[in-house]
């Protein structure tokens, strides 16, 4: 599973996330304007409604400045990512 941002009927891949922003991949190169409202679906399975402002764009990536995501949610996401990477590593070694 890949973290994603759902905006209306579109799904954007979350490349990087922090308490105050996200880097997103926009394969479809859709124009969302300057403000985005959507739902982030994280690796941990949690969903968070967010609103944000696009602060940069380059090719099919853009940076989104968002209202603060609680630190506990970020920590849980990192733990889920590490656990998932550990499972993949042990599967590859088998």
N, C-alpha and C. Protein backbone atom coordinates (compact mmCIF):
# COMPACT_ATOMS: atom_id res chain seq x y z
N UNK A 1 0.84 -1.18 0.00
CA UNK A 1 0.00 0.00 0.00
C UNK A 1 0.89 1.25 0.00
N UNK A 2 0.46 2.25 -0.71
CA UNK A 2 1.18 3.52 -0.80
C UNK A 2 0.29 4.60 -0.20
N UNK A 3 0.85 5.48 0.63
CA UNK A 3 0.03 6.59 1.13
C UNK A 3 -0.48 7.42 -0.04
N UNK A 4 -1.71 7.90 0.08
CA UNK A 4 -2.27 8.68 -1.02
C UNK A 4 -3.14 9.81 -0.50
N UNK A 5 -3.28 10.81 -1.35
CA UNK A 5 -4.18 11.92 -1.08
C UNK A 5 -5.32 11.81 -2.07
N UNK A 6 -6.52 11.75 -1.56
CA UNK A 6 -7.70 11.67 -2.42
C UNK A 6 -8.33 13.06 -2.48
N UNK A 7 -8.40 13.59 -3.71
CA UNK A 7 -9.01 14.89 -3.97
C UNK A 7 -10.11 14.65 -5.00
N UNK A 8 -11.34 14.81 -4.56
CA UNK A 8 -12.50 14.47 -5.39
C UNK A 8 -12.33 13.03 -5.89
N UNK A 9 -12.35 12.81 -7.20
CA UNK A 9 -12.22 11.45 -7.73
C UNK A 9 -10.78 11.08 -8.08
N UNK A 10 -9.82 11.93 -7.72
CA UNK A 10 -8.41 11.70 -8.06
C UNK A 10 -7.61 11.20 -6.86
N UNK A 11 -6.65 10.32 -7.15
CA UNK A 11 -5.73 9.83 -6.12
C UNK A 11 -4.32 10.25 -6.49
N UNK A 12 -3.64 10.90 -5.55
CA UNK A 12 -2.27 11.35 -5.75
C UNK A 12 -1.37 10.59 -4.79
N UNK A 13 -0.24 10.13 -5.28
CA UNK A 13 0.70 9.39 -4.45
C UNK A 13 1.46 10.35 -3.53
N UNK A 14 1.50 10.03 -2.24
CA UNK A 14 2.26 10.82 -1.27
C UNK A 14 3.70 10.30 -1.29
N UNK A 15 4.64 11.16 -1.69
CA UNK A 15 6.05 10.78 -1.75
C UNK A 15 6.71 11.01 -0.39
N UNK A 16 6.33 12.10 0.26
CA UNK A 16 6.93 12.46 1.55
C UNK A 16 5.88 13.22 2.35
N UNK A 17 5.92 13.04 3.67
CA UNK A 17 4.94 13.72 4.51
C UNK A 17 5.61 14.13 5.82
N UNK A 18 5.21 15.29 6.32
CA UNK A 18 5.70 15.77 7.61
C UNK A 18 4.52 16.41 8.34
N UNK A 19 4.80 16.95 9.50
CA UNK A 19 3.72 17.57 10.28
C UNK A 19 3.09 18.75 9.54
N UNK A 20 3.86 19.42 8.69
CA UNK A 20 3.35 20.63 8.06
C UNK A 20 3.30 20.63 6.55
N UNK A 21 3.61 19.49 5.92
CA UNK A 21 3.58 19.50 4.47
C UNK A 21 3.68 18.13 3.85
N UNK A 22 3.47 18.10 2.54
CA UNK A 22 3.55 16.86 1.78
C UNK A 22 4.15 17.12 0.42
N UNK A 23 4.84 16.12 -0.10
CA UNK A 23 5.31 16.12 -1.47
C UNK A 23 4.48 15.06 -2.18
N UNK A 24 3.85 15.45 -3.28
CA UNK A 24 2.91 14.58 -3.96
C UNK A 24 3.33 14.34 -5.40
N UNK A 25 2.92 13.19 -5.93
CA UNK A 25 3.15 12.85 -7.32
C UNK A 25 1.81 12.96 -8.04
N UNK A 26 1.79 13.75 -9.09
CA UNK A 26 0.57 14.02 -9.84
C UNK A 26 0.74 13.44 -11.25
N UNK A 27 0.57 12.11 -11.38
CA UNK A 27 0.75 11.44 -12.66
C UNK A 27 -0.10 12.06 -13.77
N UNK A 28 -1.32 12.44 -13.41
CA UNK A 28 -2.27 12.94 -14.41
C UNK A 28 -2.02 14.40 -14.77
N UNK A 29 -1.14 15.03 -14.00
CA UNK A 29 -0.84 16.45 -14.19
C UNK A 29 -2.11 17.30 -14.18
N UNK A 30 -3.03 16.95 -13.28
CA UNK A 30 -4.27 17.70 -13.12
C UNK A 30 -3.97 19.04 -12.48
N UNK A 31 -4.74 20.04 -12.85
CA UNK A 31 -4.61 21.35 -12.23
C UNK A 31 -5.63 21.43 -11.10
N UNK A 32 -5.14 21.55 -9.89
CA UNK A 32 -6.02 21.60 -8.72
C UNK A 32 -6.19 23.02 -8.18
N UNK A 33 -5.61 24.01 -8.86
CA UNK A 33 -5.64 25.37 -8.34
C UNK A 33 -4.58 25.52 -7.26
N UNK A 34 -4.71 26.53 -6.43
CA UNK A 34 -3.73 26.77 -5.37
C UNK A 34 -4.11 26.10 -4.06
N UNK A 35 -5.40 25.92 -3.81
CA UNK A 35 -5.88 25.31 -2.56
C UNK A 35 -6.37 23.90 -2.85
N UNK A 36 -6.04 22.99 -1.94
CA UNK A 36 -6.50 21.60 -2.08
C UNK A 36 -7.19 21.18 -0.78
N UNK A 37 -8.31 20.50 -0.96
CA UNK A 37 -9.04 19.90 0.15
C UNK A 37 -9.20 18.42 -0.18
N UNK A 38 -8.81 17.55 0.74
CA UNK A 38 -8.90 16.12 0.46
C UNK A 38 -8.69 15.29 1.70
N UNK A 39 -8.50 13.99 1.47
CA UNK A 39 -8.29 13.04 2.54
C UNK A 39 -7.00 12.27 2.28
N UNK A 40 -6.13 12.24 3.28
CA UNK A 40 -4.90 11.47 3.20
C UNK A 40 -5.17 10.10 3.81
N UNK A 41 -4.82 9.05 3.05
CA UNK A 41 -4.92 7.68 3.55
C UNK A 41 -3.49 7.21 3.76
N UNK A 42 -3.15 6.93 5.02
CA UNK A 42 -1.79 6.59 5.40
C UNK A 42 -1.54 5.09 5.39
N UNK A 43 -0.26 4.70 5.45
CA UNK A 43 0.11 3.29 5.52
C UNK A 43 -0.52 2.59 6.71
N UNK A 44 -0.64 3.33 7.81
CA UNK A 44 -1.19 2.76 9.03
C UNK A 44 -2.68 2.47 8.92
N UNK A 45 -3.31 2.93 7.81
CA UNK A 45 -4.74 2.74 7.63
C UNK A 45 -5.56 3.93 8.08
N UNK A 46 -4.94 4.88 8.78
CA UNK A 46 -5.65 6.07 9.22
C UNK A 46 -5.93 6.99 8.05
N UNK A 47 -7.04 7.70 8.13
CA UNK A 47 -7.40 8.72 7.15
C UNK A 47 -7.52 10.06 7.86
N UNK A 48 -7.00 11.10 7.22
CA UNK A 48 -7.04 12.43 7.81
C UNK A 48 -7.52 13.41 6.75
N UNK A 49 -8.55 14.18 7.07
CA UNK A 49 -8.99 15.25 6.17
C UNK A 49 -8.01 16.40 6.29
N UNK A 50 -7.57 16.93 5.16
CA UNK A 50 -6.61 18.03 5.17
C UNK A 50 -7.02 19.11 4.18
N UNK A 51 -6.49 20.28 4.42
CA UNK A 51 -6.57 21.36 3.45
C UNK A 51 -5.17 21.94 3.37
N UNK A 52 -4.81 22.40 2.19
CA UNK A 52 -3.47 22.93 2.03
C UNK A 52 -3.34 23.82 0.82
N UNK A 53 -2.16 24.41 0.73
CA UNK A 53 -1.84 25.33 -0.36
C UNK A 53 -0.64 24.79 -1.12
N UNK A 54 -0.76 24.73 -2.44
CA UNK A 54 0.37 24.29 -3.26
C UNK A 54 1.40 25.41 -3.25
N UNK A 55 2.62 25.09 -2.81
CA UNK A 55 3.67 26.11 -2.69
C UNK A 55 4.76 25.97 -3.75
N UNK A 56 4.83 24.80 -4.42
CA UNK A 56 5.76 24.65 -5.54
C UNK A 56 5.29 23.51 -6.43
N UNK A 57 5.68 23.57 -7.70
CA UNK A 57 5.40 22.51 -8.66
C UNK A 57 6.60 22.35 -9.57
N UNK A 58 6.92 21.08 -9.88
CA UNK A 58 7.99 20.80 -10.83
C UNK A 58 7.64 19.49 -11.53
N UNK A 59 7.49 19.56 -12.84
CA UNK A 59 7.06 18.41 -13.63
C UNK A 59 5.78 17.83 -13.03
N UNK A 60 5.81 16.57 -12.62
CA UNK A 60 4.59 15.96 -12.08
C UNK A 60 4.61 15.83 -10.55
N UNK A 61 5.41 16.66 -9.89
CA UNK A 61 5.45 16.68 -8.42
C UNK A 61 5.05 18.07 -7.93
N UNK A 62 4.49 18.11 -6.73
CA UNK A 62 4.24 19.41 -6.10
C UNK A 62 4.30 19.30 -4.59
N UNK A 63 4.57 20.45 -3.98
CA UNK A 63 4.64 20.54 -2.53
C UNK A 63 3.41 21.22 -1.99
N UNK A 64 2.89 20.67 -0.92
CA UNK A 64 1.66 21.15 -0.32
C UNK A 64 1.93 21.55 1.13
N UNK A 65 1.67 22.79 1.46
CA UNK A 65 1.76 23.29 2.82
C UNK A 65 0.40 23.05 3.46
N UNK A 66 0.38 22.31 4.57
CA UNK A 66 -0.90 21.92 5.18
C UNK A 66 -0.98 22.35 6.64
N UNK A 67 -2.22 22.31 7.14
CA UNK A 67 -2.41 22.51 8.58
C UNK A 67 -1.73 21.34 9.28
N UNK A 68 -1.27 21.52 10.43
CA UNK A 68 -0.44 20.58 11.17
C UNK A 68 -1.11 19.21 11.35
N UNK A 69 -0.35 18.16 11.01
CA UNK A 69 -0.74 16.78 11.30
C UNK A 69 -0.15 16.46 12.67
N UNK A 70 -0.93 15.89 13.58
CA UNK A 70 -0.41 15.58 14.91
C UNK A 70 0.86 14.71 14.84
N UNK A 71 1.82 15.03 15.66
CA UNK A 71 3.09 14.30 15.71
C UNK A 71 2.87 12.81 15.95
N UNK A 72 1.90 12.46 16.78
CA UNK A 72 1.63 11.05 17.08
C UNK A 72 1.25 10.29 15.81
N UNK A 73 0.54 10.93 14.89
CA UNK A 73 0.15 10.30 13.63
C UNK A 73 1.39 10.07 12.76
N UNK A 74 2.28 11.06 12.73
CA UNK A 74 3.52 10.94 11.95
C UNK A 74 4.39 9.80 12.52
N UNK A 75 4.51 9.74 13.83
CA UNK A 75 5.30 8.68 14.47
C UNK A 75 4.72 7.31 14.15
N UNK A 76 3.41 7.18 14.23
CA UNK A 76 2.76 5.90 13.91
C UNK A 76 3.02 5.52 12.45
N UNK A 77 3.01 6.50 11.56
CA UNK A 77 3.26 6.24 10.14
C UNK A 77 4.70 5.76 9.93
N UNK A 78 5.64 6.38 10.61
CA UNK A 78 7.04 5.97 10.51
C UNK A 78 7.20 4.54 11.03
N UNK A 79 6.56 4.22 12.16
CA UNK A 79 6.65 2.87 12.72
C UNK A 79 6.05 1.85 11.76
N UNK A 80 4.94 2.20 11.12
CA UNK A 80 4.32 1.30 10.14
C UNK A 80 5.25 1.08 8.96
N UNK A 81 5.87 2.15 8.47
CA UNK A 81 6.80 2.06 7.35
C UNK A 81 7.99 1.17 7.70
N UNK A 82 8.56 1.37 8.88
CA UNK A 82 9.71 0.56 9.30
C UNK A 82 9.33 -0.91 9.44
N UNK A 83 8.17 -1.16 10.00
CA UNK A 83 7.69 -2.53 10.17
C UNK A 83 7.50 -3.18 8.79
N UNK A 84 6.91 -2.42 7.86
CA UNK A 84 6.69 -2.93 6.51
C UNK A 84 8.02 -3.21 5.80
N UNK A 85 8.98 -2.32 5.94
CA UNK A 85 10.30 -2.53 5.33
C UNK A 85 10.99 -3.75 5.94
N UNK A 86 10.84 -3.95 7.23
CA UNK A 86 11.42 -5.11 7.89
C UNK A 86 10.82 -6.41 7.39
N UNK A 87 9.51 -6.42 7.17
CA UNK A 87 8.84 -7.61 6.64
C UNK A 87 9.29 -7.90 5.22
N UNK A 88 9.43 -6.85 4.41
CA UNK A 88 9.88 -7.03 3.03
C UNK A 88 11.30 -7.55 2.99
N UNK A 89 12.16 -7.06 3.89
CA UNK A 89 13.55 -7.49 3.92
C UNK A 89 13.64 -8.96 4.29
N UNK A 90 12.88 -9.39 5.31
CA UNK A 90 12.94 -10.80 5.73
C UNK A 90 12.35 -11.71 4.66
N UNK A 91 11.37 -11.23 3.90
CA UNK A 91 10.79 -12.02 2.82
C UNK A 91 11.80 -12.19 1.69
N UNK A 92 12.56 -11.14 1.40
CA UNK A 92 13.56 -11.18 0.34
C UNK A 92 14.72 -12.11 0.70
N UNK A 93 15.02 -12.19 1.98
CA UNK A 93 16.15 -13.02 2.44
C UNK A 93 15.80 -14.49 2.46
N UNK A 94 14.50 -14.82 2.48
CA UNK A 94 14.05 -16.23 2.55
C UNK A 94 14.29 -16.96 1.25
